[in-house]
N, C-alpha and C. Protein backbone atom coordinates (compact mmCIF):
# COMPACT_ATOMS: atom_id res chain seq x y z
N UNK A 1 10.41 -42.03 34.51
CA UNK A 1 9.72 -41.17 35.46
C UNK A 1 9.82 -41.81 36.85
N UNK A 2 10.28 -41.04 37.82
CA UNK A 2 10.40 -41.56 39.18
C UNK A 2 9.09 -41.35 39.93
N UNK A 3 8.63 -42.42 40.57
CA UNK A 3 7.38 -42.42 41.31
C UNK A 3 7.56 -43.17 42.62
N UNK A 4 6.57 -42.98 43.53
CA UNK A 4 6.56 -43.72 44.79
C UNK A 4 5.16 -44.29 45.00
N UNK A 5 5.09 -45.58 45.23
CA UNK A 5 3.81 -46.21 45.54
C UNK A 5 3.86 -46.73 46.97
N UNK A 6 2.74 -46.63 47.66
CA UNK A 6 2.61 -47.14 49.02
C UNK A 6 1.81 -48.44 48.94
N UNK A 7 2.37 -49.52 49.48
CA UNK A 7 1.70 -50.81 49.46
C UNK A 7 1.69 -51.42 50.85
N UNK A 8 0.66 -52.21 51.12
CA UNK A 8 0.62 -52.95 52.37
C UNK A 8 1.29 -54.31 52.17
N UNK A 9 1.23 -55.16 53.19
CA UNK A 9 1.89 -56.47 53.12
C UNK A 9 1.36 -57.29 51.94
N UNK A 10 0.05 -57.25 51.71
CA UNK A 10 -0.55 -58.05 50.65
C UNK A 10 -0.01 -57.64 49.28
N UNK A 11 0.02 -56.34 49.04
CA UNK A 11 0.54 -55.85 47.76
C UNK A 11 2.02 -56.16 47.59
N UNK A 12 2.78 -55.94 48.65
CA UNK A 12 4.23 -56.20 48.60
C UNK A 12 4.50 -57.68 48.37
N UNK A 13 3.78 -58.55 49.06
CA UNK A 13 3.99 -60.00 48.90
C UNK A 13 3.62 -60.47 47.50
N UNK A 14 2.55 -59.90 46.95
CA UNK A 14 2.17 -60.28 45.58
C UNK A 14 3.24 -59.84 44.58
N UNK A 15 3.75 -58.64 44.76
CA UNK A 15 4.82 -58.14 43.89
C UNK A 15 6.05 -59.04 43.97
N UNK A 16 6.39 -59.48 45.20
CA UNK A 16 7.54 -60.35 45.39
C UNK A 16 7.33 -61.74 44.78
N UNK A 17 6.15 -62.28 44.97
CA UNK A 17 5.91 -63.66 44.52
C UNK A 17 5.64 -63.77 43.02
N UNK A 18 4.92 -62.78 42.46
CA UNK A 18 4.55 -62.86 41.04
C UNK A 18 5.45 -62.03 40.13
N UNK A 19 6.20 -61.10 40.73
CA UNK A 19 7.06 -60.24 39.92
C UNK A 19 6.32 -59.08 39.28
N UNK A 20 5.01 -58.99 39.52
CA UNK A 20 4.19 -57.91 38.95
C UNK A 20 3.01 -57.66 39.89
N UNK A 21 2.59 -56.41 39.96
CA UNK A 21 1.44 -56.03 40.78
C UNK A 21 0.45 -55.28 39.89
N UNK A 22 -0.81 -55.72 39.93
CA UNK A 22 -1.87 -55.07 39.16
C UNK A 22 -3.02 -54.72 40.10
N UNK A 23 -3.72 -53.64 39.79
CA UNK A 23 -4.86 -53.24 40.59
C UNK A 23 -6.01 -54.22 40.42
N UNK A 24 -6.78 -54.41 41.50
CA UNK A 24 -7.90 -55.35 41.46
C UNK A 24 -9.16 -54.68 42.01
N UNK A 25 -10.28 -55.06 41.44
CA UNK A 25 -11.58 -54.54 41.87
C UNK A 25 -11.85 -54.81 43.35
N UNK A 26 -11.40 -55.94 43.86
CA UNK A 26 -11.70 -56.35 45.23
C UNK A 26 -11.15 -55.38 46.28
N UNK A 27 -10.14 -54.57 45.90
CA UNK A 27 -9.54 -53.64 46.86
C UNK A 27 -10.19 -52.25 46.82
N UNK A 28 -11.22 -52.09 45.99
CA UNK A 28 -11.86 -50.79 45.84
C UNK A 28 -13.07 -50.70 46.75
N UNK A 29 -13.15 -49.61 47.51
CA UNK A 29 -14.32 -49.34 48.31
C UNK A 29 -15.51 -49.16 47.35
N UNK A 30 -16.58 -49.96 47.50
CA UNK A 30 -17.72 -49.86 46.56
C UNK A 30 -18.27 -48.45 46.42
N UNK A 31 -18.16 -47.65 47.47
CA UNK A 31 -18.65 -46.27 47.44
C UNK A 31 -17.93 -45.43 46.38
N UNK A 32 -16.68 -45.81 46.06
CA UNK A 32 -15.86 -45.02 45.13
C UNK A 32 -15.64 -45.72 43.79
N UNK A 33 -16.33 -46.83 43.57
CA UNK A 33 -16.08 -47.61 42.35
C UNK A 33 -16.31 -46.79 41.09
N UNK A 34 -17.36 -45.94 41.09
CA UNK A 34 -17.64 -45.13 39.90
C UNK A 34 -16.44 -44.25 39.54
N UNK A 35 -15.75 -43.69 40.55
CA UNK A 35 -14.58 -42.86 40.29
C UNK A 35 -13.43 -43.67 39.71
N UNK A 36 -13.22 -44.86 40.24
CA UNK A 36 -12.16 -45.73 39.73
C UNK A 36 -12.48 -46.19 38.31
N UNK A 37 -13.76 -46.47 38.05
CA UNK A 37 -14.16 -46.84 36.68
C UNK A 37 -13.90 -45.69 35.71
N UNK A 38 -14.20 -44.47 36.16
CA UNK A 38 -13.96 -43.31 35.31
C UNK A 38 -12.47 -43.17 35.02
N UNK A 39 -11.62 -43.32 36.04
CA UNK A 39 -10.18 -43.22 35.84
C UNK A 39 -9.69 -44.32 34.90
N UNK A 40 -10.23 -45.50 35.05
CA UNK A 40 -9.84 -46.61 34.19
C UNK A 40 -10.16 -46.30 32.72
N UNK A 41 -11.33 -45.71 32.48
CA UNK A 41 -11.69 -45.34 31.11
C UNK A 41 -10.73 -44.28 30.56
N UNK A 42 -10.34 -43.33 31.40
CA UNK A 42 -9.39 -42.30 30.98
C UNK A 42 -8.04 -42.93 30.62
N UNK A 43 -7.61 -43.89 31.42
CA UNK A 43 -6.34 -44.57 31.14
C UNK A 43 -6.41 -45.34 29.82
N UNK A 44 -7.56 -45.95 29.56
CA UNK A 44 -7.73 -46.70 28.31
C UNK A 44 -7.51 -45.82 27.09
N UNK A 45 -7.97 -44.57 27.17
CA UNK A 45 -7.87 -43.68 26.01
C UNK A 45 -6.57 -42.88 25.98
N UNK A 46 -5.93 -42.69 27.14
CA UNK A 46 -4.76 -41.81 27.21
C UNK A 46 -3.41 -42.53 27.25
N UNK A 47 -3.41 -43.81 27.57
CA UNK A 47 -2.15 -44.55 27.67
C UNK A 47 -2.00 -45.50 26.50
N UNK A 48 -0.75 -45.86 26.21
CA UNK A 48 -0.47 -46.67 25.04
C UNK A 48 -0.85 -48.13 25.23
N UNK A 49 -0.81 -48.63 26.44
CA UNK A 49 -1.03 -50.05 26.69
C UNK A 49 -2.50 -50.34 26.94
N UNK A 50 -2.98 -51.45 26.41
CA UNK A 50 -4.34 -51.87 26.68
C UNK A 50 -4.41 -52.51 28.07
N UNK A 51 -5.59 -52.86 28.48
CA UNK A 51 -5.77 -53.39 29.82
C UNK A 51 -6.61 -54.65 29.77
N UNK A 52 -6.49 -55.46 30.80
CA UNK A 52 -7.33 -56.64 30.92
C UNK A 52 -8.69 -56.24 31.47
N UNK A 53 -9.69 -57.04 31.21
CA UNK A 53 -11.08 -56.72 31.57
C UNK A 53 -11.23 -56.39 33.06
N UNK A 54 -10.54 -57.12 33.92
CA UNK A 54 -10.72 -56.93 35.36
C UNK A 54 -9.63 -56.09 36.00
N UNK A 55 -8.79 -55.45 35.19
CA UNK A 55 -7.68 -54.65 35.72
C UNK A 55 -8.13 -53.27 36.17
N UNK A 56 -7.55 -52.82 37.27
CA UNK A 56 -7.77 -51.46 37.76
C UNK A 56 -6.41 -50.79 37.94
N UNK A 57 -6.39 -49.47 38.09
CA UNK A 57 -5.10 -48.77 38.19
C UNK A 57 -4.30 -49.16 39.44
N UNK A 58 -2.99 -49.10 39.29
CA UNK A 58 -2.07 -49.09 40.42
C UNK A 58 -1.77 -47.60 40.65
N UNK A 59 -1.73 -47.19 41.92
CA UNK A 59 -1.59 -45.78 42.26
C UNK A 59 -0.21 -45.49 42.84
N UNK A 60 0.27 -44.30 42.55
CA UNK A 60 1.57 -43.86 43.07
C UNK A 60 1.56 -42.34 43.16
N UNK A 61 2.63 -41.82 43.71
CA UNK A 61 2.82 -40.37 43.79
C UNK A 61 3.93 -39.95 42.82
N UNK A 62 3.66 -38.88 42.10
CA UNK A 62 4.71 -38.21 41.33
C UNK A 62 5.24 -37.02 42.13
N UNK A 63 4.31 -36.36 42.82
CA UNK A 63 4.65 -35.16 43.59
C UNK A 63 3.73 -35.15 44.81
N UNK A 64 4.24 -35.60 45.94
CA UNK A 64 3.41 -35.79 47.13
C UNK A 64 2.97 -34.47 47.75
N UNK A 65 3.87 -33.51 47.84
CA UNK A 65 3.52 -32.23 48.46
C UNK A 65 4.33 -31.11 47.81
N UNK A 66 4.07 -30.88 46.54
CA UNK A 66 4.79 -29.86 45.79
C UNK A 66 6.08 -30.39 45.21
N UNK A 67 6.69 -29.57 44.38
CA UNK A 67 7.87 -30.01 43.63
C UNK A 67 9.11 -30.17 44.50
N UNK A 68 9.12 -29.59 45.70
CA UNK A 68 10.29 -29.74 46.57
C UNK A 68 10.15 -30.90 47.54
N UNK A 69 8.95 -31.51 47.61
CA UNK A 69 8.74 -32.66 48.50
C UNK A 69 7.96 -33.72 47.72
N UNK A 70 8.63 -34.31 46.76
CA UNK A 70 7.97 -35.27 45.89
C UNK A 70 7.70 -36.62 46.57
N UNK A 71 8.63 -37.08 47.37
CA UNK A 71 8.52 -38.39 48.00
C UNK A 71 7.53 -38.33 49.17
N UNK A 72 6.62 -39.32 49.28
CA UNK A 72 5.69 -39.33 50.41
C UNK A 72 6.41 -39.36 51.75
N UNK A 73 5.97 -38.52 52.66
CA UNK A 73 6.56 -38.40 53.98
C UNK A 73 5.90 -39.41 54.91
N UNK A 74 6.67 -40.39 55.37
CA UNK A 74 6.13 -41.47 56.18
C UNK A 74 5.83 -41.05 57.62
N UNK A 75 6.21 -39.83 57.98
CA UNK A 75 5.90 -39.33 59.33
C UNK A 75 4.45 -38.91 59.47
N UNK A 76 3.76 -38.78 58.33
CA UNK A 76 2.36 -38.36 58.35
C UNK A 76 1.43 -39.56 58.28
N UNK A 77 0.21 -39.38 58.78
CA UNK A 77 -0.79 -40.44 58.73
C UNK A 77 -1.52 -40.40 57.39
N UNK A 78 -2.33 -41.42 57.16
CA UNK A 78 -3.18 -41.44 55.97
C UNK A 78 -2.67 -42.31 54.84
N UNK A 79 -1.46 -42.82 54.94
CA UNK A 79 -0.94 -43.68 53.87
C UNK A 79 -1.64 -45.03 53.86
N UNK A 80 -1.85 -45.59 55.06
CA UNK A 80 -2.51 -46.87 55.25
C UNK A 80 -3.23 -46.79 56.60
N UNK A 81 -4.11 -47.75 56.90
CA UNK A 81 -4.74 -47.75 58.23
C UNK A 81 -3.69 -47.80 59.34
N UNK A 82 -3.96 -47.09 60.41
CA UNK A 82 -3.01 -46.99 61.52
C UNK A 82 -2.58 -48.38 62.00
N UNK A 83 -1.27 -48.54 62.21
CA UNK A 83 -0.72 -49.79 62.69
C UNK A 83 -0.39 -50.80 61.61
N UNK A 84 -0.74 -50.49 60.36
CA UNK A 84 -0.48 -51.39 59.24
C UNK A 84 0.99 -51.32 58.83
N UNK A 85 1.59 -52.48 58.58
CA UNK A 85 2.94 -52.51 58.01
C UNK A 85 2.86 -52.07 56.56
N UNK A 86 3.71 -51.12 56.20
CA UNK A 86 3.67 -50.58 54.85
C UNK A 86 5.03 -50.55 54.18
N UNK A 87 4.98 -50.32 52.87
CA UNK A 87 6.19 -50.27 52.05
C UNK A 87 6.07 -49.06 51.12
N UNK A 88 7.01 -48.14 51.24
CA UNK A 88 7.10 -47.04 50.27
C UNK A 88 8.09 -47.51 49.23
N UNK A 89 7.59 -47.74 48.01
CA UNK A 89 8.41 -48.33 46.95
C UNK A 89 8.73 -47.25 45.91
N UNK A 90 10.00 -46.95 45.78
CA UNK A 90 10.45 -45.99 44.76
C UNK A 90 10.66 -46.75 43.46
N UNK A 91 10.05 -46.23 42.40
CA UNK A 91 10.10 -46.95 41.12
C UNK A 91 10.46 -46.00 39.98
N UNK A 92 10.83 -46.59 38.87
CA UNK A 92 11.08 -45.85 37.63
C UNK A 92 10.20 -46.46 36.56
N UNK A 93 9.27 -45.65 36.02
CA UNK A 93 8.33 -46.12 34.99
C UNK A 93 8.54 -45.33 33.70
N UNK A 94 8.34 -45.95 32.54
CA UNK A 94 8.35 -45.19 31.29
C UNK A 94 7.22 -44.17 31.26
N UNK A 95 7.49 -42.97 30.75
CA UNK A 95 6.49 -41.90 30.71
C UNK A 95 5.20 -42.34 30.03
N UNK A 96 5.33 -43.10 28.96
CA UNK A 96 4.15 -43.46 28.17
C UNK A 96 3.23 -44.44 28.89
N UNK A 97 3.67 -45.01 30.02
CA UNK A 97 2.84 -45.95 30.78
C UNK A 97 2.14 -45.31 31.97
N UNK A 98 2.35 -44.00 32.16
CA UNK A 98 1.87 -43.33 33.37
C UNK A 98 0.90 -42.20 33.01
N UNK A 99 -0.19 -42.12 33.78
CA UNK A 99 -1.12 -41.01 33.64
C UNK A 99 -1.07 -40.19 34.93
N UNK A 100 -0.66 -38.94 34.81
CA UNK A 100 -0.58 -38.04 35.96
C UNK A 100 -1.91 -37.30 36.13
N UNK A 101 -2.28 -37.05 37.39
CA UNK A 101 -3.49 -36.27 37.65
C UNK A 101 -3.35 -35.50 38.96
N UNK A 102 -4.09 -34.41 39.05
CA UNK A 102 -4.09 -33.55 40.22
C UNK A 102 -4.87 -34.26 41.33
N UNK A 103 -4.18 -34.56 42.42
CA UNK A 103 -4.79 -35.32 43.52
C UNK A 103 -6.00 -34.60 44.10
N UNK A 104 -5.91 -33.30 44.29
CA UNK A 104 -7.03 -32.57 44.88
C UNK A 104 -8.25 -32.57 43.94
N UNK A 105 -8.02 -32.36 42.66
CA UNK A 105 -9.12 -32.36 41.70
C UNK A 105 -9.69 -33.76 41.48
N UNK A 106 -8.89 -34.78 41.74
CA UNK A 106 -9.35 -36.16 41.60
C UNK A 106 -10.59 -36.42 42.46
N UNK A 107 -10.76 -35.65 43.53
CA UNK A 107 -11.90 -35.88 44.41
C UNK A 107 -13.22 -35.50 43.75
N UNK A 108 -13.20 -34.74 42.68
CA UNK A 108 -14.44 -34.44 41.95
C UNK A 108 -15.02 -35.71 41.33
N UNK A 109 -14.28 -36.41 40.46
CA UNK A 109 -14.85 -37.66 39.94
C UNK A 109 -14.95 -38.76 41.00
N UNK A 110 -14.08 -38.72 42.01
CA UNK A 110 -14.10 -39.77 43.02
C UNK A 110 -15.34 -39.70 43.90
N UNK A 111 -15.65 -38.51 44.40
CA UNK A 111 -16.77 -38.45 45.34
C UNK A 111 -17.63 -37.19 45.26
N UNK A 112 -17.06 -36.05 44.92
CA UNK A 112 -17.87 -34.84 44.91
C UNK A 112 -18.86 -34.84 43.76
N UNK A 113 -18.43 -35.32 42.62
CA UNK A 113 -19.24 -35.36 41.40
C UNK A 113 -19.68 -33.97 40.99
N UNK A 114 -18.86 -32.98 41.25
CA UNK A 114 -19.20 -31.60 40.91
C UNK A 114 -18.53 -31.14 39.63
N UNK A 115 -18.88 -29.94 39.25
CA UNK A 115 -18.38 -29.32 38.03
C UNK A 115 -17.08 -28.57 38.31
N UNK A 116 -16.12 -28.68 37.40
CA UNK A 116 -14.85 -27.94 37.49
C UNK A 116 -14.80 -26.94 36.35
N UNK A 117 -15.00 -25.68 36.65
CA UNK A 117 -14.92 -24.64 35.63
C UNK A 117 -13.49 -24.12 35.51
N UNK A 118 -13.14 -23.65 34.31
CA UNK A 118 -11.79 -23.10 34.08
C UNK A 118 -11.66 -21.68 34.60
N UNK A 119 -12.79 -21.00 34.79
CA UNK A 119 -12.77 -19.60 35.20
C UNK A 119 -14.16 -19.25 35.75
N UNK A 120 -14.31 -18.00 36.20
CA UNK A 120 -15.59 -17.59 36.77
C UNK A 120 -16.72 -17.62 35.76
N UNK A 121 -16.43 -17.27 34.51
CA UNK A 121 -17.48 -17.28 33.48
C UNK A 121 -18.06 -18.68 33.32
N UNK A 122 -17.18 -19.69 33.22
CA UNK A 122 -17.67 -21.06 33.08
C UNK A 122 -18.46 -21.49 34.31
N UNK A 123 -18.01 -21.08 35.48
CA UNK A 123 -18.74 -21.43 36.71
C UNK A 123 -20.13 -20.78 36.71
N UNK A 124 -20.19 -19.50 36.32
CA UNK A 124 -21.48 -18.80 36.29
C UNK A 124 -22.41 -19.41 35.23
N UNK A 125 -21.85 -19.72 34.06
CA UNK A 125 -22.67 -20.30 32.99
C UNK A 125 -23.25 -21.65 33.42
N UNK A 126 -22.44 -22.44 34.11
CA UNK A 126 -22.95 -23.73 34.56
C UNK A 126 -24.02 -23.54 35.63
N UNK A 127 -23.82 -22.58 36.51
CA UNK A 127 -24.83 -22.31 37.55
C UNK A 127 -26.16 -21.92 36.91
N UNK A 128 -26.11 -21.14 35.85
CA UNK A 128 -27.35 -20.77 35.14
C UNK A 128 -28.04 -22.00 34.56
N UNK A 129 -27.23 -22.94 34.06
CA UNK A 129 -27.81 -24.19 33.54
C UNK A 129 -28.47 -24.98 34.67
N UNK A 130 -27.82 -25.02 35.83
CA UNK A 130 -28.42 -25.71 36.98
C UNK A 130 -29.77 -25.09 37.33
N UNK A 131 -29.81 -23.77 37.38
CA UNK A 131 -31.05 -23.07 37.74
C UNK A 131 -32.14 -23.35 36.70
N UNK A 132 -31.76 -23.30 35.42
CA UNK A 132 -32.75 -23.53 34.36
C UNK A 132 -33.30 -24.96 34.38
N UNK A 133 -32.50 -25.89 34.91
CA UNK A 133 -32.96 -27.28 35.02
C UNK A 133 -33.49 -27.61 36.41
N UNK A 134 -33.61 -26.56 37.25
CA UNK A 134 -34.14 -26.71 38.61
C UNK A 134 -33.36 -27.72 39.44
N UNK A 135 -32.05 -27.71 39.29
CA UNK A 135 -31.17 -28.49 40.15
C UNK A 135 -30.10 -27.55 40.69
N UNK A 136 -29.45 -27.95 41.73
CA UNK A 136 -28.42 -27.09 42.30
C UNK A 136 -27.37 -27.89 43.04
N UNK A 137 -26.46 -27.18 43.64
CA UNK A 137 -25.30 -27.82 44.28
C UNK A 137 -25.68 -28.71 45.46
N UNK A 138 -26.90 -28.55 45.97
CA UNK A 138 -27.32 -29.42 47.07
C UNK A 138 -27.93 -30.73 46.57
N UNK A 139 -28.17 -30.83 45.26
CA UNK A 139 -28.75 -32.04 44.70
C UNK A 139 -27.68 -33.10 44.47
N UNK A 140 -28.09 -34.35 44.49
CA UNK A 140 -27.19 -35.44 44.18
C UNK A 140 -26.91 -35.46 42.69
N UNK A 141 -25.74 -35.94 42.33
CA UNK A 141 -25.36 -36.06 40.91
C UNK A 141 -26.44 -36.83 40.14
N UNK A 142 -26.98 -37.86 40.76
CA UNK A 142 -27.98 -38.71 40.11
C UNK A 142 -29.25 -37.93 39.75
N UNK A 143 -29.48 -36.78 40.43
CA UNK A 143 -30.68 -35.97 40.17
C UNK A 143 -30.55 -35.10 38.92
N UNK A 144 -29.32 -34.94 38.43
CA UNK A 144 -29.10 -34.06 37.29
C UNK A 144 -29.59 -34.71 36.00
N UNK A 145 -30.09 -33.92 35.06
CA UNK A 145 -30.44 -34.47 33.75
C UNK A 145 -29.17 -34.91 33.02
N UNK A 146 -29.31 -35.83 32.09
CA UNK A 146 -28.15 -36.40 31.39
C UNK A 146 -27.30 -35.32 30.71
N UNK A 147 -27.94 -34.27 30.19
CA UNK A 147 -27.19 -33.22 29.50
C UNK A 147 -26.22 -32.53 30.45
N UNK A 148 -26.63 -32.29 31.70
CA UNK A 148 -25.75 -31.65 32.68
C UNK A 148 -24.71 -32.63 33.22
N UNK A 149 -25.11 -33.89 33.39
CA UNK A 149 -24.13 -34.90 33.82
C UNK A 149 -22.96 -34.96 32.84
N UNK A 150 -23.28 -34.90 31.56
CA UNK A 150 -22.24 -34.97 30.54
C UNK A 150 -21.29 -33.79 30.65
N UNK A 151 -21.82 -32.59 30.88
CA UNK A 151 -20.98 -31.39 31.04
C UNK A 151 -20.09 -31.54 32.27
N UNK A 152 -20.66 -32.03 33.36
CA UNK A 152 -19.89 -32.22 34.59
C UNK A 152 -18.76 -33.21 34.36
N UNK A 153 -19.08 -34.36 33.78
CA UNK A 153 -18.07 -35.41 33.56
C UNK A 153 -16.99 -34.91 32.62
N UNK A 154 -17.36 -34.17 31.57
CA UNK A 154 -16.34 -33.62 30.66
C UNK A 154 -15.42 -32.64 31.37
N UNK A 155 -15.94 -31.93 32.36
CA UNK A 155 -15.10 -30.96 33.08
C UNK A 155 -14.01 -31.65 33.90
N UNK A 156 -14.22 -32.90 34.25
CA UNK A 156 -13.25 -33.61 35.09
C UNK A 156 -11.92 -33.84 34.40
N UNK A 157 -11.88 -33.74 33.08
CA UNK A 157 -10.61 -33.96 32.38
C UNK A 157 -9.57 -32.90 32.75
N UNK A 158 -10.00 -31.82 33.39
CA UNK A 158 -9.04 -30.81 33.86
C UNK A 158 -8.08 -31.38 34.91
N UNK A 159 -8.41 -32.50 35.52
CA UNK A 159 -7.50 -33.06 36.51
C UNK A 159 -6.19 -33.53 35.87
N UNK A 160 -6.20 -33.72 34.56
CA UNK A 160 -4.99 -34.16 33.85
C UNK A 160 -4.17 -33.00 33.30
N UNK A 161 -4.67 -31.79 33.42
CA UNK A 161 -3.98 -30.61 32.91
C UNK A 161 -3.08 -30.05 34.01
N UNK A 162 -1.80 -30.36 33.92
CA UNK A 162 -0.87 -29.94 34.97
C UNK A 162 -0.61 -28.43 34.96
N UNK A 163 -1.06 -27.75 33.90
CA UNK A 163 -0.92 -26.29 33.83
C UNK A 163 -2.15 -25.56 34.37
N UNK A 164 -3.21 -26.29 34.66
CA UNK A 164 -4.44 -25.67 35.16
C UNK A 164 -4.21 -25.25 36.61
N UNK A 165 -4.30 -23.94 36.86
CA UNK A 165 -4.02 -23.45 38.22
C UNK A 165 -4.93 -22.29 38.62
N UNK A 166 -6.17 -22.29 38.11
CA UNK A 166 -7.11 -21.27 38.57
C UNK A 166 -7.33 -21.47 40.07
N UNK A 167 -7.05 -20.44 40.85
CA UNK A 167 -7.01 -20.55 42.31
C UNK A 167 -8.28 -21.12 42.93
N UNK A 168 -9.42 -20.97 42.27
CA UNK A 168 -10.68 -21.46 42.82
C UNK A 168 -10.69 -22.98 42.93
N UNK A 169 -9.95 -23.65 42.03
CA UNK A 169 -9.96 -25.11 42.01
C UNK A 169 -8.59 -25.75 42.19
N UNK A 170 -7.51 -25.11 41.74
CA UNK A 170 -6.24 -25.83 41.63
C UNK A 170 -5.05 -24.94 41.97
N UNK A 171 -3.96 -25.59 42.36
CA UNK A 171 -2.71 -24.92 42.66
C UNK A 171 -1.82 -24.88 41.42
N UNK A 172 -0.83 -23.99 41.38
CA UNK A 172 0.17 -24.04 40.32
C UNK A 172 0.94 -25.36 40.38
N UNK A 173 1.55 -25.74 39.28
CA UNK A 173 2.23 -27.04 39.16
C UNK A 173 3.19 -27.29 40.31
N UNK A 174 4.00 -26.32 40.66
CA UNK A 174 5.02 -26.52 41.70
C UNK A 174 4.43 -26.78 43.07
N UNK A 175 3.16 -26.45 43.26
CA UNK A 175 2.51 -26.65 44.56
C UNK A 175 1.53 -27.82 44.56
N UNK A 176 1.32 -28.42 43.43
CA UNK A 176 0.32 -29.49 43.33
C UNK A 176 0.75 -30.76 44.05
N UNK A 177 -0.26 -31.52 44.48
CA UNK A 177 -0.09 -32.91 44.86
C UNK A 177 -0.48 -33.70 43.61
N UNK A 178 0.48 -34.42 43.04
CA UNK A 178 0.25 -35.09 41.76
C UNK A 178 0.36 -36.60 41.93
N UNK A 179 -0.73 -37.27 41.59
CA UNK A 179 -0.74 -38.73 41.66
C UNK A 179 -0.48 -39.31 40.28
N UNK A 180 -0.12 -40.58 40.28
CA UNK A 180 0.16 -41.29 39.04
C UNK A 180 -0.60 -42.60 39.04
N UNK A 181 -1.15 -42.97 37.89
CA UNK A 181 -1.79 -44.27 37.74
C UNK A 181 -1.17 -45.00 36.56
N UNK A 182 -1.11 -46.31 36.67
CA UNK A 182 -0.57 -47.16 35.60
C UNK A 182 -1.16 -48.54 35.77
N UNK A 183 -1.02 -49.37 34.75
CA UNK A 183 -1.68 -50.68 34.76
C UNK A 183 -0.95 -51.72 35.58
N UNK A 184 0.38 -51.65 35.64
CA UNK A 184 1.09 -52.66 36.40
C UNK A 184 2.44 -52.14 36.87
N UNK A 185 2.88 -52.71 37.99
CA UNK A 185 4.20 -52.43 38.53
C UNK A 185 5.01 -53.71 38.42
N UNK A 186 6.13 -53.63 37.71
CA UNK A 186 7.00 -54.79 37.54
C UNK A 186 8.16 -54.71 38.52
N UNK A 187 8.56 -55.84 39.03
CA UNK A 187 9.56 -55.87 40.09
C UNK A 187 10.88 -55.25 39.65
N UNK A 188 11.19 -55.34 38.36
CA UNK A 188 12.45 -54.77 37.87
C UNK A 188 12.42 -53.24 37.82
N UNK A 189 11.24 -52.64 38.04
CA UNK A 189 11.13 -51.18 38.05
C UNK A 189 11.44 -50.59 39.43
N UNK A 190 11.63 -51.43 40.43
CA UNK A 190 11.90 -50.95 41.79
C UNK A 190 13.32 -50.40 41.91
N UNK A 191 13.42 -49.23 42.53
CA UNK A 191 14.72 -48.61 42.80
C UNK A 191 15.09 -48.79 44.28
N UNK A 192 14.09 -48.57 45.15
CA UNK A 192 14.37 -48.59 46.58
C UNK A 192 13.07 -48.89 47.32
N UNK A 193 13.19 -49.47 48.53
CA UNK A 193 12.02 -49.78 49.35
C UNK A 193 12.28 -49.33 50.78
N UNK A 194 11.31 -48.63 51.36
CA UNK A 194 11.37 -48.24 52.78
C UNK A 194 10.18 -48.86 53.49
N UNK A 195 10.44 -49.57 54.59
CA UNK A 195 9.34 -50.14 55.37
C UNK A 195 8.93 -49.15 56.46
N UNK A 196 7.66 -49.22 56.86
CA UNK A 196 7.17 -48.32 57.91
C UNK A 196 5.92 -48.92 58.54
N UNK A 197 5.54 -48.39 59.66
CA UNK A 197 4.27 -48.73 60.30
C UNK A 197 3.41 -47.48 60.22
N UNK A 198 2.24 -47.63 59.62
CA UNK A 198 1.38 -46.47 59.38
C UNK A 198 0.93 -45.84 60.69
N UNK A 199 0.95 -44.50 60.70
CA UNK A 199 0.54 -43.74 61.89
C UNK A 199 -0.94 -43.42 61.84
């Protein structure tokens, strides 16, 4: 599977010196740690390889902007902080080591903490549950009763369904932004490297 990962000098130097790059807790914004922990748990159950206790995902792109623009476009901002030296690394990973997810839907477990319904009926049914529990979309996730939290968290697995394209939440596969996570990047998996300065 061909992927592209964006790394800064620190990540690139570690890959060069150690021959392998693994995700680390220290690089995670504490505000988003719960989302990364959730993704890590999903990887534990969905991928063939086990993980070390302190390991976190390495991130890459499978499809940056739809099926016709898979490779990240370095002319755009947002890859790294402005002015940072960066490396777009093209790699080839075995399918069984990679977990694909919908980048836009990833923001639900990452920060929105909202419910993802498959259709209007599911959305309406969940709204009725919110009303019956006297909580609503303006409440914090922490305010929800455990029974509703469980329903919300279970709905997040839709981010891994590449065929899910209900217009209210997701695009069709050919239009999706698809990210990839895996436990480690090995130097021998590199195909090509492009250097850039983040805009």
